[in-house]
């Protein structure tokens, strides 16, 4: 399984950014995003079940971030809106057989840096 993340960049607070993660994940698994701020642990952000498209989020991003997937392109997206400086982090896509909010992913993609300026 290989995952390729893209879409990071610099954005002002209140702005939006969309991350993409393409790869050869397994069709009955979960895919999603984690983030790691400087000097902090890597934390779950959002997840989606590949087959049904059921979504789930960390409380810190609910109502601001939206995860979705395009089965044909085998890509998962993270649309981030109303960004805050505290959203600054390296964002990693990941996949695994169980809920990503409750278990460690089986595979990680490389990170993409998101910087939100105040």
C-alpha atoms as a PDB file:
ATOM      1  CA  UNK A   1       0.000   0.000   0.000  1.00  0.00           C
ATOM      2  CA  UNK A   2       1.365   3.377  -0.999  1.00  0.00           C
ATOM      3  CA  UNK A   3      -0.186   6.729  -0.159  1.00  0.00           C
ATOM      4  CA  UNK A   4       0.746  10.059  -1.709  1.00  0.00           C
ATOM      5  CA  UNK A   5      -0.357  13.238   0.044  1.00  0.00           C
ATOM      6  CA  UNK A   6      -0.384  16.690  -1.501  1.00  0.00           C
ATOM      7  CA  UNK A   7      -1.985  20.102  -1.214  1.00  0.00           C
ATOM      8  CA  UNK A   8      -0.286  21.659   1.766  1.00  0.00           C
ATOM      9  CA  UNK A   9       0.834  25.254   1.814  1.00  0.00           C
ATOM     10  CA  UNK A  10       0.656  28.622   3.510  1.00  0.00           C
ATOM     11  CA  UNK A  11      -2.733  30.196   4.122  1.00  0.00           C
ATOM     12  CA  UNK A  12      -4.027  33.055   6.214  1.00  0.00           C
ATOM     13  CA  UNK A  13      -6.275  32.465   9.204  1.00  0.00           C
ATOM     14  CA  UNK A  14      -9.866  32.103   8.084  1.00  0.00           C
ATOM     15  CA  UNK A  15      -8.817  30.725   4.737  1.00  0.00           C
ATOM     16  CA  UNK A  16      -9.278  27.333   3.113  1.00  0.00           C
ATOM     17  CA  UNK A  17      -7.078  24.593   1.756  1.00  0.00           C
ATOM     18  CA  UNK A  18      -7.709  21.158   0.285  1.00  0.00           C
ATOM     19  CA  UNK A  19      -5.436  18.198   0.838  1.00  0.00           C
ATOM     20  CA  UNK A  20      -5.418  15.124  -1.375  1.00  0.00           C
ATOM     21  CA  UNK A  21      -4.257  11.599  -0.690  1.00  0.00           C
ATOM     22  CA  UNK A  22      -4.055   9.146  -3.557  1.00  0.00           C
ATOM     23  CA  UNK A  23      -3.027   5.552  -3.301  1.00  0.00           C
ATOM     24  CA  UNK A  24      -3.645   1.881  -3.545  1.00  0.00           C
ATOM     25  CA  UNK A  25      -5.462   1.407  -0.278  1.00  0.00           C
ATOM     26  CA  UNK A  26      -7.600  -1.643   0.365  1.00  0.00           C
ATOM     27  CA  UNK A  27     -11.245  -1.201  -0.545  1.00  0.00           C
ATOM     28  CA  UNK A  28     -12.777  -2.258   2.762  1.00  0.00           C
ATOM     29  CA  UNK A  29     -10.494  -0.205   4.949  1.00  0.00           C
ATOM     30  CA  UNK A  30     -10.625   3.236   6.524  1.00  0.00           C
ATOM     31  CA  UNK A  31      -8.649   6.136   5.145  1.00  0.00           C
ATOM     32  CA  UNK A  32      -8.018   9.441   6.795  1.00  0.00           C
ATOM     33  CA  UNK A  33      -5.782  12.166   8.096  1.00  0.00           C
ATOM     34  CA  UNK A  34      -3.625  12.812  11.120  1.00  0.00           C
ATOM     35  CA  UNK A  35      -1.591  15.863  11.970  1.00  0.00           C
ATOM     36  CA  UNK A  36       1.482  16.613  14.001  1.00  0.00           C
ATOM     37  CA  UNK A  37       2.288  20.096  15.215  1.00  0.00           C
ATOM     38  CA  UNK A  38       5.876  20.998  16.111  1.00  0.00           C
ATOM     39  CA  UNK A  39       6.895  19.359  19.346  1.00  0.00           C
ATOM     40  CA  UNK A  40       3.588  17.554  19.754  1.00  0.00           C
ATOM     41  CA  UNK A  41       2.261  14.079  19.172  1.00  0.00           C
ATOM     42  CA  UNK A  42       0.539  12.967  16.007  1.00  0.00           C
ATOM     43  CA  UNK A  43      -3.223  13.205  16.391  1.00  0.00           C
ATOM     44  CA  UNK A  44      -6.220  11.921  14.481  1.00  0.00           C
ATOM     45  CA  UNK A  45      -8.092  14.514  12.382  1.00  0.00           C
ATOM     46  CA  UNK A  46     -10.651  12.822  10.139  1.00  0.00           C
ATOM     47  CA  UNK A  47     -11.516   9.423   8.725  1.00  0.00           C
ATOM     48  CA  UNK A  48     -13.759   7.853   6.114  1.00  0.00           C
ATOM     49  CA  UNK A  49     -14.769   4.295   5.341  1.00  0.00           C
ATOM     50  CA  UNK A  50     -13.825   3.532   1.781  1.00  0.00           C
ATOM     51  CA  UNK A  51     -16.863   1.424   0.865  1.00  0.00           C
ATOM     52  CA  UNK A  52     -19.732   3.359   2.470  1.00  0.00           C
ATOM     53  CA  UNK A  53     -18.147   6.777   2.808  1.00  0.00           C
ATOM     54  CA  UNK A  54     -19.025   7.089   6.482  1.00  0.00           C
ATOM     55  CA  UNK A  55     -17.107  10.003   7.976  1.00  0.00           C
ATOM     56  CA  UNK A  56     -15.869  10.848  11.462  1.00  0.00           C
ATOM     57  CA  UNK A  57     -13.862  13.726  12.887  1.00  0.00           C
ATOM     58  CA  UNK A  58     -11.865  14.924  15.815  1.00  0.00           C
ATOM     59  CA  UNK A  59     -13.818  17.438  17.877  1.00  0.00           C
ATOM     60  CA  UNK A  60     -11.248  20.131  17.116  1.00  0.00           C
ATOM     61  CA  UNK A  61     -12.126  20.162  13.407  1.00  0.00           C
ATOM     62  CA  UNK A  62     -15.840  19.314  13.355  1.00  0.00           C
ATOM     63  CA  UNK A  63     -17.786  21.825  11.313  1.00  0.00           C
ATOM     64  CA  UNK A  64     -14.636  23.196   9.675  1.00  0.00           C
ATOM     65  CA  UNK A  65     -13.077  20.216   7.903  1.00  0.00           C
ATOM     66  CA  UNK A  66     -14.742  17.815   5.485  1.00  0.00           C
ATOM     67  CA  UNK A  67     -13.317  14.499   4.375  1.00  0.00           C
ATOM     68  CA  UNK A  68     -14.474  12.837   1.180  1.00  0.00           C
ATOM     69  CA  UNK A  69     -13.314  10.232  -1.298  1.00  0.00           C
ATOM     70  CA  UNK A  70     -13.388   9.660  -5.037  1.00  0.00           C
ATOM     71  CA  UNK A  71     -13.452   5.955  -5.677  1.00  0.00           C
ATOM     72  CA  UNK A  72     -12.615   6.283  -9.360  1.00  0.00           C
ATOM     73  CA  UNK A  73      -9.502   8.307  -8.639  1.00  0.00           C
ATOM     74  CA  UNK A  74      -8.714   6.321  -5.494  1.00  0.00           C
ATOM     75  CA  UNK A  75      -8.235   9.621  -3.719  1.00  0.00           C
ATOM     76  CA  UNK A  76      -9.292  10.974  -0.346  1.00  0.00           C
ATOM     77  CA  UNK A  77      -9.673  14.700   0.171  1.00  0.00           C
ATOM     78  CA  UNK A  78      -9.605  16.879   3.246  1.00  0.00           C
ATOM     79  CA  UNK A  79     -11.291  20.217   2.678  1.00  0.00           C
ATOM     80  CA  UNK A  80     -10.201  22.564   5.433  1.00  0.00           C
ATOM     81  CA  UNK A  81     -12.072  25.813   6.027  1.00  0.00           C
ATOM     82  CA  UNK A  82     -12.015  28.539   8.666  1.00  0.00           C
ATOM     83  CA  UNK A  83      -8.409  27.633   9.297  1.00  0.00           C
ATOM     84  CA  UNK A  84      -6.772  28.736  12.537  1.00  0.00           C
ATOM     85  CA  UNK A  85      -3.100  29.154  13.436  1.00  0.00           C
ATOM     86  CA  UNK A  86      -3.445  26.130  15.708  1.00  0.00           C
ATOM     87  CA  UNK A  87      -4.212  24.015  12.623  1.00  0.00           C
ATOM     88  CA  UNK A  88      -0.581  24.480  11.591  1.00  0.00           C
ATOM     89  CA  UNK A  89       0.986  21.035  11.364  1.00  0.00           C
ATOM     90  CA  UNK A  90       2.306  18.368   9.094  1.00  0.00           C
ATOM     91  CA  UNK A  91      -0.704  16.442   7.830  1.00  0.00           C
ATOM     92  CA  UNK A  92      -0.348  12.724   7.152  1.00  0.00           C
ATOM     93  CA  UNK A  93      -2.757  10.498   5.308  1.00  0.00           C
ATOM     94  CA  UNK A  94      -3.153   6.975   6.567  1.00  0.00           C
ATOM     95  CA  UNK A  95      -5.140   3.814   6.106  1.00  0.00           C
ATOM     96  CA  UNK A  96      -6.047   0.774   8.165  1.00  0.00           C
ATOM     97  CA  UNK A  97      -8.686  -1.893   8.748  1.00  0.00           C
ATOM     98  CA  UNK A  98     -10.220  -0.265  11.830  1.00  0.00           C
ATOM     99  CA  UNK A  99     -11.471   3.169  12.826  1.00  0.00           C
ATOM    100  CA  UNK A 100      -8.564   5.568  12.624  1.00  0.00           C
ATOM    101  CA  UNK A 101      -9.822   7.467  15.645  1.00  0.00           C
ATOM    102  CA  UNK A 102      -9.443   4.360  17.802  1.00  0.00           C
ATOM    103  CA  UNK A 103      -6.573   2.369  16.350  1.00  0.00           C
ATOM    104  CA  UNK A 104      -3.160   2.878  14.852  1.00  0.00           C
ATOM    105  CA  UNK A 105      -3.160   2.922  11.035  1.00  0.00           C
ATOM    106  CA  UNK A 106      -1.502   0.093   9.158  1.00  0.00           C
ATOM    107  CA  UNK A 107       0.098   2.388   6.596  1.00  0.00           C
ATOM    108  CA  UNK A 108       1.153   6.021   6.477  1.00  0.00           C
ATOM    109  CA  UNK A 109       1.745   8.375   3.604  1.00  0.00           C
ATOM    110  CA  UNK A 110       4.345  11.092   3.674  1.00  0.00           C
ATOM    111  CA  UNK A 111       3.342  14.339   5.285  1.00  0.00           C
ATOM    112  CA  UNK A 112       2.347  17.620   3.753  1.00  0.00           C
ATOM    113  CA  UNK A 113       2.920  20.854   5.642  1.00  0.00           C
ATOM    114  CA  UNK A 114       0.050  23.222   6.357  1.00  0.00           C
ATOM    115  CA  UNK A 115       0.943  26.608   7.794  1.00  0.00           C
ATOM    116  CA  UNK A 116      -1.772  29.016   8.909  1.00  0.00           C
ATOM    117  CA  UNK A 117      -0.639  32.557   9.531  1.00  0.00           C
ATOM    118  CA  UNK A 118      -2.438  34.885  11.913  1.00  0.00           C
END
